Amino acid sequence: MSLIYSNLDVVDIAESIKHYLGKRPDAADTLEGVANWWLLRQRYEIAMDIVQEALDVLIKQGVVTTITPHGSEIIYKLKGNP
């Protein structure tokens, strides 16, 4: 069975792999490892950046606030909600 992908999909994946290797030049893995670890990890890192920016916007809008219980990681919550 042959799957057909657009050239844009292939180029996008190739760019993602190059970006990953640029940050980790010693990386080496199987096809499955590249798909499961390199690409998913990179998308996770990008998603974390986007989520952080979204939370920052919500904080500026006064919708979300943060707490840091006992010096641990920052916790985000609805502003005004105990």
PDB file of N, CA and C in Angstrom:
ATOM      1  N   MET A   1       0.854  -1.188   0.000  1.00  0.00           N
ATOM      2  CA  MET A   1       0.000   0.000   0.000  1.00  0.00           C
ATOM      3  C   MET A   1       0.892   1.241   0.000  1.00  0.00           C
ATOM      4  N   SER A   2       0.626   2.139  -0.879  1.00  0.00           N
ATOM      5  CA  SER A   2       1.413   3.358  -0.993  1.00  0.00           C
ATOM      6  C   SER A   2       0.579   4.554  -0.562  1.00  0.00           C
ATOM      7  N   LEU A   3       1.152   5.357   0.306  1.00  0.00           N
ATOM      8  CA  LEU A   3       0.480   6.578   0.730  1.00  0.00           C
ATOM      9  C   LEU A   3       1.055   7.744  -0.051  1.00  0.00           C
ATOM     10  N   ILE A   4       0.215   8.665  -0.408  1.00  0.00           N
ATOM     11  CA  ILE A   4       0.657   9.840  -1.168  1.00  0.00           C
ATOM     12  C   ILE A   4       0.585  11.049  -0.252  1.00  0.00           C
ATOM     13  N   TYR A   5       1.710  11.723  -0.129  1.00  0.00           N
ATOM     14  CA  TYR A   5       1.791  12.922   0.690  1.00  0.00           C
ATOM     15  C   TYR A   5       2.082  14.103  -0.213  1.00  0.00           C
ATOM     16  N   SER A   6       1.643  15.258   0.203  1.00  0.00           N
ATOM     17  CA  SER A   6       1.969  16.446  -0.578  1.00  0.00           C
ATOM     18  C   SER A   6       3.431  16.790  -0.356  1.00  0.00           C
ATOM     19  N   ASN A   7       4.003  17.473  -1.316  1.00  0.00           N
ATOM     20  CA  ASN A   7       5.388  17.914  -1.187  1.00  0.00           C
ATOM     21  C   ASN A   7       5.565  18.809   0.035  1.00  0.00           C
ATOM     22  N   LEU A   8       4.525  19.570   0.374  1.00  0.00           N
ATOM     23  CA  LEU A   8       4.607  20.449   1.543  1.00  0.00           C
ATOM     24  C   LEU A   8       4.740  19.646   2.830  1.00  0.00           C
ATOM     25  N   ASP A   9       4.017  18.520   2.929  1.00  0.00           N
ATOM     26  CA  ASP A   9       4.136  17.664   4.109  1.00  0.00           C
ATOM     27  C   ASP A   9       5.556  17.136   4.247  1.00  0.00           C
ATOM     28  N   VAL A  10       6.112  16.648   3.157  1.00  0.00           N
ATOM     29  CA  VAL A  10       7.454  16.077   3.172  1.00  0.00           C
ATOM     30  C   VAL A  10       8.482  17.152   3.509  1.00  0.00           C
ATOM     31  N   VAL A  11       8.341  18.321   2.913  1.00  0.00           N
ATOM     32  CA  VAL A  11       9.274  19.422   3.184  1.00  0.00           C
ATOM     33  C   VAL A  11       9.165  19.849   4.641  1.00  0.00           C
ATOM     34  N   ASP A  12       7.960  19.921   5.166  1.00  0.00           N
ATOM     35  CA  ASP A  12       7.746  20.303   6.563  1.00  0.00           C
ATOM     36  C   ASP A  12       8.430  19.312   7.502  1.00  0.00           C
ATOM     37  N   ILE A  13       8.269  18.028   7.254  1.00  0.00           N
ATOM     38  CA  ILE A  13       8.894  17.011   8.086  1.00  0.00           C
ATOM     39  C   ILE A  13      10.416  17.079   7.961  1.00  0.00           C
ATOM     40  N   ALA A  14      10.901  17.253   6.734  1.00  0.00           N
ATOM     41  CA  ALA A  14      12.353  17.354   6.515  1.00  0.00           C
ATOM     42  C   ALA A  14      12.927  18.544   7.283  1.00  0.00           C
ATOM     43  N   GLU A  15      12.240  19.668   7.265  1.00  0.00           N
ATOM     44  CA  GLU A  15      12.699  20.850   8.008  1.00  0.00           C
ATOM     45  C   GLU A  15      12.693  20.579   9.513  1.00  0.00           C
ATOM     46  N   SER A  16      11.687  19.869   9.979  1.00  0.00           N
ATOM     47  CA  SER A  16      11.626  19.534  11.403  1.00  0.00           C
ATOM     48  C   SER A  16      12.791  18.639  11.811  1.00  0.00           C
ATOM     49  N   ILE A  17      13.126  17.676  10.970  1.00  0.00           N
ATOM     50  CA  ILE A  17      14.252  16.795  11.253  1.00  0.00           C
ATOM     51  C   ILE A  17      15.552  17.590  11.260  1.00  0.00           C
ATOM     52  N   LYS A  18      15.734  18.483  10.288  1.00  0.00           N
ATOM     53  CA  LYS A  18      16.937  19.316  10.250  1.00  0.00           C
ATOM     54  C   LYS A  18      17.042  20.184  11.505  1.00  0.00           C
ATOM     55  N   HIS A  19      15.935  20.746  11.932  1.00  0.00           N
ATOM     56  CA  HIS A  19      15.913  21.582  13.130  1.00  0.00           C
ATOM     57  C   HIS A  19      16.316  20.761  14.354  1.00  0.00           C
ATOM     58  N   TYR A  20      15.761  19.574  14.471  1.00  0.00           N
ATOM     59  CA  TYR A  20      16.092  18.692  15.593  1.00  0.00           C
ATOM     60  C   TYR A  20      17.582  18.378  15.598  1.00  0.00           C
ATOM     61  N   LEU A  21      18.108  18.002  14.431  1.00  0.00           N
ATOM     62  CA  LEU A  21      19.526  17.652  14.322  1.00  0.00           C
ATOM     63  C   LEU A  21      20.428  18.863  14.558  1.00  0.00           C
ATOM     64  N   GLY A  22      19.949  20.042  14.209  1.00  0.00           N
ATOM     65  CA  GLY A  22      20.719  21.249  14.479  1.00  0.00           C
ATOM     66  C   GLY A  22      20.922  21.468  15.968  1.00  0.00           C
ATOM     67  N   LYS A  23      19.913  21.101  16.779  1.00  0.00           N
ATOM     68  CA  LYS A  23      20.016  21.230  18.231  1.00  0.00           C
ATOM     69  C   LYS A  23      20.743  20.042  18.859  1.00  0.00           C
ATOM     70  N   ARG A  24      20.696  18.895  18.176  1.00  0.00           N
ATOM     71  CA  ARG A  24      21.270  17.664  18.720  1.00  0.00           C
ATOM     72  C   ARG A  24      22.090  16.951  17.641  1.00  0.00           C
ATOM     73  N   PRO A  25      23.260  17.484  17.303  1.00  0.00           N
ATOM     74  CA  PRO A  25      24.037  16.944  16.182  1.00  0.00           C
ATOM     75  C   PRO A  25      24.509  15.505  16.373  1.00  0.00           C
ATOM     76  N   ASP A  26      24.532  15.008  17.587  1.00  0.00           N
ATOM     77  CA  ASP A  26      24.958  13.630  17.828  1.00  0.00           C
ATOM     78  C   ASP A  26      23.796  12.630  17.801  1.00  0.00           C
ATOM     79  N   ALA A  27      22.585  13.100  17.527  1.00  0.00           N
ATOM     80  CA  ALA A  27      21.419  12.219  17.537  1.00  0.00           C
ATOM     81  C   ALA A  27      21.512  11.182  16.426  1.00  0.00           C
ATOM     82  N   ALA A  28      21.020   9.984  16.738  1.00  0.00           N
ATOM     83  CA  ALA A  28      20.940   8.901  15.765  1.00  0.00           C
ATOM     84  C   ALA A  28      19.811   7.980  16.209  1.00  0.00           C
ATOM     85  N   ASP A  29      18.969   7.539  15.277  1.00  0.00           N
ATOM     86  CA  ASP A  29      17.847   6.702  15.665  1.00  0.00           C
ATOM     87  C   ASP A  29      17.299   5.965  14.462  1.00  0.00           C
ATOM     88  N   THR A  30      16.411   5.031  14.729  1.00  0.00           N
ATOM     89  CA  THR A  30      15.708   4.286  13.686  1.00  0.00           C
ATOM     90  C   THR A  30      14.580   5.142  13.120  1.00  0.00           C
ATOM     91  N   LEU A  31      13.952   4.675  12.082  1.00  0.00           N
ATOM     92  CA  LEU A  31      12.786   5.363  11.508  1.00  0.00           C
ATOM     93  C   LEU A  31      11.730   5.582  12.580  1.00  0.00           C
ATOM     94  N   GLU A  32      11.441   4.527  13.336  1.00  0.00           N
ATOM     95  CA  GLU A  32      10.437   4.640  14.391  1.00  0.00           C
ATOM     96  C   GLU A  32      10.875   5.640  15.462  1.00  0.00           C
ATOM     97  N   GLY A  33      12.152   5.616  15.804  1.00  0.00           N
ATOM     98  CA  GLY A  33      12.664   6.557  16.791  1.00  0.00           C
ATOM     99  C   GLY A  33      12.578   7.992  16.318  1.00  0.00           C
ATOM    100  N   VAL A  34      12.906   8.212  15.049  1.00  0.00           N
ATOM    101  CA  VAL A  34      12.806   9.566  14.487  1.00  0.00           C
ATOM    102  C   VAL A  34      11.358  10.053  14.569  1.00  0.00           C
ATOM    103  N   ALA A  35      10.424   9.203  14.164  1.00  0.00           N
ATOM    104  CA  ALA A  35       9.009   9.594  14.179  1.00  0.00           C
ATOM    105  C   ALA A  35       8.497   9.798  15.599  1.00  0.00           C
ATOM    106  N   ASN A  36       8.821   8.852  16.491  1.00  0.00           N
ATOM    107  CA  ASN A  36       8.272   8.904  17.846  1.00  0.00           C
ATOM    108  C   ASN A  36       8.979   9.877  18.770  1.00  0.00           C
ATOM    109  N   TRP A  37      10.286  10.026  18.625  1.00  0.00           N
ATOM    110  CA  TRP A  37      11.024  10.845  19.577  1.00  0.00           C
ATOM    111  C   TRP A  37      11.428  12.186  18.998  1.00  0.00           C
ATOM    112  N   TRP A  38      12.065  12.180  17.857  1.00  0.00           N
ATOM    113  CA  TRP A  38      12.550  13.448  17.306  1.00  0.00           C
ATOM    114  C   TRP A  38      11.393  14.373  16.965  1.00  0.00           C
ATOM    115  N   LEU A  39      10.458  13.872  16.178  1.00  0.00           N
ATOM    116  CA  LEU A  39       9.396  14.750  15.684  1.00  0.00           C
ATOM    117  C   LEU A  39       8.372  15.063  16.775  1.00  0.00           C
ATOM    118  N   LEU A  40       7.972  14.057  17.542  1.00  0.00           N
ATOM    119  CA  LEU A  40       6.996  14.329  18.600  1.00  0.00           C
ATOM    120  C   LEU A  40       7.577  15.226  19.680  1.00  0.00           C
ATOM    121  N   ARG A  41       8.848  15.000  20.016  1.00  0.00           N
ATOM    122  CA  ARG A  41       9.485  15.857  21.027  1.00  0.00           C
ATOM    123  C   ARG A  41       9.549  17.308  20.543  1.00  0.00           C
ATOM    124  N   GLN A  42       9.917  17.487  19.287  1.00  0.00           N
ATOM    125  CA  GLN A  42      10.013  18.845  18.754  1.00  0.00           C
ATOM    126  C   GLN A  42       8.646  19.511  18.749  1.00  0.00           C
ATOM    127  N   ARG A  43       7.620  18.781  18.353  1.00  0.00           N
ATOM    128  CA  ARG A  43       6.269  19.348  18.354  1.00  0.00           C
ATOM    129  C   ARG A  43       5.815  19.650  19.784  1.00  0.00           C
ATOM    130  N   TYR A  44       6.219  18.822  20.729  1.00  0.00           N
ATOM    131  CA  TYR A  44       5.903  19.064  22.133  1.00  0.00           C
ATOM    132  C   TYR A  44       6.562  20.360  22.592  1.00  0.00           C
ATOM    133  N   GLU A  45       7.834  20.550  22.248  1.00  0.00           N
ATOM    134  CA  GLU A  45       8.545  21.762  22.648  1.00  0.00           C
ATOM    135  C   GLU A  45       7.899  23.005  22.038  1.00  0.00           C
ATOM    136  N   ILE A  46       7.500  22.914  20.780  1.00  0.00           N
ATOM    137  CA  ILE A  46       6.825  24.031  20.127  1.00  0.00           C
ATOM    138  C   ILE A  46       5.492  24.304  20.803  1.00  0.00           C
ATOM    139  N   ALA A  47       4.758  23.232  21.111  1.00  0.00           N
ATOM    140  CA  ALA A  47       3.462  23.387  21.777  1.00  0.00           C
ATOM    141  C   ALA A  47       3.637  24.047  23.134  1.00  0.00           C
ATOM    142  N   MET A  48       4.686  23.681  23.871  1.00  0.00           N
ATOM    143  CA  MET A  48       4.936  24.292  25.172  1.00  0.00           C
ATOM    144  C   MET A  48       5.169  25.794  25.020  1.00  0.00           C
ATOM    145  N   ASP A  49       5.912  26.197  24.009  1.00  0.00           N
ATOM    146  CA  ASP A  49       6.149  27.624  23.765  1.00  0.00           C
ATOM    147  C   ASP A  49       4.843  28.353  23.470  1.00  0.00           C
ATOM    148  N   ILE A  50       3.998  27.752  22.649  1.00  0.00           N
ATOM    149  CA  ILE A  50       2.719  28.372  22.288  1.00  0.00           C
ATOM    150  C   ILE A  50       1.804  28.460  23.503  1.00  0.00           C
ATOM    151  N   VAL A  51       1.752  27.399  24.292  1.00  0.00           N
ATOM    152  CA  VAL A  51       0.915  27.405  25.497  1.00  0.00           C
ATOM    153  C   VAL A  51       1.400  28.475  26.469  1.00  0.00           C
ATOM    154  N   GLN A  52       2.721  28.620  26.620  1.00  0.00           N
ATOM    155  CA  GLN A  52       3.262  29.655  27.508  1.00  0.00           C
ATOM    156  C   GLN A  52       2.838  31.044  27.032  1.00  0.00           C
ATOM    157  N   GLU A  53       2.927  31.277  25.734  1.00  0.00           N
ATOM    158  CA  GLU A  53       2.505  32.575  25.197  1.00  0.00           C
ATOM    159  C   GLU A  53       1.020  32.811  25.437  1.00  0.00           C
ATOM    160  N   ALA A  54       0.205  31.782  25.273  1.00  0.00           N
ATOM    161  CA  ALA A  54      -1.240  31.917  25.499  1.00  0.00           C
ATOM    162  C   ALA A  54      -1.524  32.222  26.965  1.00  0.00           C
ATOM    163  N   LEU A  55      -0.830  31.534  27.868  1.00  0.00           N
ATOM    164  CA  LEU A  55      -1.013  31.815  29.295  1.00  0.00           C
ATOM    165  C   LEU A  55      -0.578  33.232  29.639  1.00  0.00           C
ATOM    166  N   ASP A  56       0.506  33.694  29.043  1.00  0.00           N
ATOM    167  CA  ASP A  56       0.964  35.068  29.267  1.00  0.00           C
ATOM    168  C   ASP A  56      -0.100  36.075  28.830  1.00  0.00           C
ATOM    169  N   VAL A  57      -0.740  35.815  27.712  1.00  0.00           N
ATOM    170  CA  VAL A  57      -1.817  36.694  27.228  1.00  0.00           C
ATOM    171  C   VAL A  57      -2.969  36.706  28.232  1.00  0.00           C
ATOM    172  N   LEU A  58      -3.351  35.517  28.709  1.00  0.00           N
ATOM    173  CA  LEU A  58      -4.466  35.431  29.651  1.00  0.00           C
ATOM    174  C   LEU A  58      -4.126  36.104  30.983  1.00  0.00           C
ATOM    175  N   ILE A  59      -2.889  36.053  31.392  1.00  0.00           N
ATOM    176  CA  ILE A  59      -2.465  36.763  32.604  1.00  0.00           C
ATOM    177  C   ILE A  59      -2.579  38.265  32.392  1.00  0.00           C
ATOM    178  N   LYS A  60      -2.114  38.760  31.260  1.00  0.00           N
ATOM    179  CA  LYS A  60      -2.204  40.198  30.947  1.00  0.00           C
ATOM    180  C   LYS A  60      -3.651  40.659  30.861  1.00  0.00           C
ATOM    181  N   GLN A  61      -4.543  39.779  30.403  1.00  0.00           N
ATOM    182  CA  GLN A  61      -5.964  40.110  30.300  1.00  0.00           C
ATOM    183  C   GLN A  61      -6.668  40.025  31.650  1.00  0.00           C
ATOM    184  N   GLY A  62      -5.992  39.489  32.647  1.00  0.00           N
ATOM    185  CA  GLY A  62      -6.591  39.367  33.969  1.00  0.00           C
ATOM    186  C   GLY A  62      -7.491  38.155  34.129  1.00  0.00           C
ATOM    187  N   VAL A  63      -7.398  37.206  33.234  1.00  0.00           N
ATOM    188  CA  VAL A  63      -8.236  36.007  33.293  1.00  0.00           C
ATOM    189  C   VAL A  63      -7.582  34.926  34.148  1.00  0.00           C
ATOM    190  N   VAL A  64      -6.282  34.816  34.038  1.00  0.00           N
ATOM    191  CA  VAL A  64      -5.522  33.771  34.712  1.00  0.00           C
ATOM    192  C   VAL A  64      -4.520  34.428  35.659  1.00  0.00           C
ATOM    193  N   THR A  65      -4.252  33.753  36.768  1.00  0.00           N
ATOM    194  CA  THR A  65      -3.216  34.172  37.701  1.00  0.00           C
ATOM    195  C   THR A  65      -2.337  32.967  38.008  1.00  0.00           C
ATOM    196  N   THR A  66      -1.259  33.211  38.718  1.00  0.00           N
ATOM    197  CA  THR A  66      -0.348  32.120  39.058  1.00  0.00           C
ATOM    198  C   THR A  66      -0.138  32.036  40.554  1.00  0.00           C
ATOM    199  N   ILE A  67       0.188  30.847  40.999  1.00  0.00           N
ATOM    200  CA  ILE A  67       0.610  30.637  42.374  1.00  0.00           C
ATOM    201  C   ILE A  67       1.847  29.737  42.319  1.00  0.00           C
ATOM    202  N   THR A  68       2.659  29.838  43.363  1.00  0.00           N
ATOM    203  CA  THR A  68       3.850  28.990  43.454  1.00  0.00           C
ATOM    204  C   THR A  68       3.880  28.403  44.857  1.00  0.00           C
ATOM    205  N   PRO A  69       3.145  27.320  45.061  1.00  0.00           N
ATOM    206  CA  PRO A  69       3.082  26.757  46.408  1.00  0.00           C
ATOM    207  C   PRO A  69       4.411  26.148  46.837  1.00  0.00           C
ATOM    208  N   HIS A  70       4.873  26.568  47.999  1.00  0.00           N
ATOM    209  CA  HIS A  70       6.085  26.015  48.605  1.00  0.00           C
ATOM    210  C   HIS A  70       7.292  26.056  47.671  1.00  0.00           C
ATOM    211  N   GLY A  71       7.395  27.096  46.846  1.00  0.00           N
ATOM    212  CA  GLY A  71       8.541  27.248  45.968  1.00  0.00           C
ATOM    213  C   GLY A  71       8.603  26.243  44.833  1.00  0.00           C
ATOM    214  N   SER A  72       7.501  25.572  44.567  1.00  0.00           N
ATOM    215  CA  SER A  72       7.493  24.584  43.486  1.00  0.00           C
ATOM    216  C   SER A  72       7.243  25.260  42.144  1.00  0.00           C
ATOM    217  N   GLU A  73       6.884  24.488  41.169  1.00  0.00           N
ATOM    218  CA  GLU A  73       6.620  25.033  39.838  1.00  0.00           C
ATOM    219  C   GLU A  73       5.422  25.971  39.868  1.00  0.00           C
ATOM    220  N   ILE A  74       5.369  26.855  38.894  1.00  0.00           N
ATOM    221  CA  ILE A  74       4.263  27.798  38.768  1.00  0.00           C
ATOM    222  C   ILE A  74       2.990  27.025  38.415  1.00  0.00           C
ATOM    223  N   ILE A  75       1.919  27.368  39.113  1.00  0.00           N
ATOM    224  CA  ILE A  75       0.594  26.794  38.849  1.00  0.00           C
ATOM    225  C   ILE A  75      -0.287  27.928  38.302  1.00  0.00           C
ATOM    226  N   TYR A  76      -0.988  27.659  37.219  1.00  0.00           N
ATOM    227  CA  TYR A  76      -1.885  28.633  36.595  1.00  0.00           C
ATOM    228  C   TYR A  76      -3.319  28.296  36.991  1.00  0.00           C
ATOM    229  N   LYS A  77      -4.115  29.341  37.255  1.00  0.00           N
ATOM    230  CA  LYS A  77      -5.506  29.132  37.631  1.00  0.00           C
ATOM    231  C   LYS A  77      -6.335  30.355  37.289  1.00  0.00           C
ATOM    232  N   LEU A  78      -7.627  30.152  37.280  1.00  0.00           N
ATOM    233  CA  LEU A  78      -8.568  31.231  37.017  1.00  0.00           C
ATOM    234  C   LEU A  78      -8.414  32.295  38.089  1.00  0.00           C
ATOM    235  N   LYS A  79      -8.251  33.533  37.669  1.00  0.00           N
ATOM    236  CA  LYS A  79      -8.072  34.638  38.615  1.00  0.00           C
ATOM    237  C   LYS A  79      -9.354  34.822  39.418  1.00  0.00           C
ATOM    238  N   GLY A  80      -9.210  35.016  40.721  1.00  0.00           N
ATOM    239  CA  GLY A  80     -10.359  35.224  41.585  1.00  0.00           C
ATOM    240  C   GLY A  80     -10.965  33.936  42.089  1.00  0.00           C
ATOM    241  N   ASN A  81     -10.465  32.802  41.652  1.00  0.00           N
ATOM    242  CA  ASN A  81     -10.974  31.513  42.116  1.00  0.00           C
ATOM    243  C   ASN A  81     -10.009  30.975  43.168  1.00  0.00           C
ATOM    244  N   PRO A  82     -10.524  30.737  44.401  1.00  0.00           N
ATOM    245  CA  PRO A  82      -9.621  30.315  45.493  1.00  0.00           C
ATOM    246  C   PRO A  82      -8.940  29.006  45.275  1.00  0.00           C
TER     247      PRO A  82
END
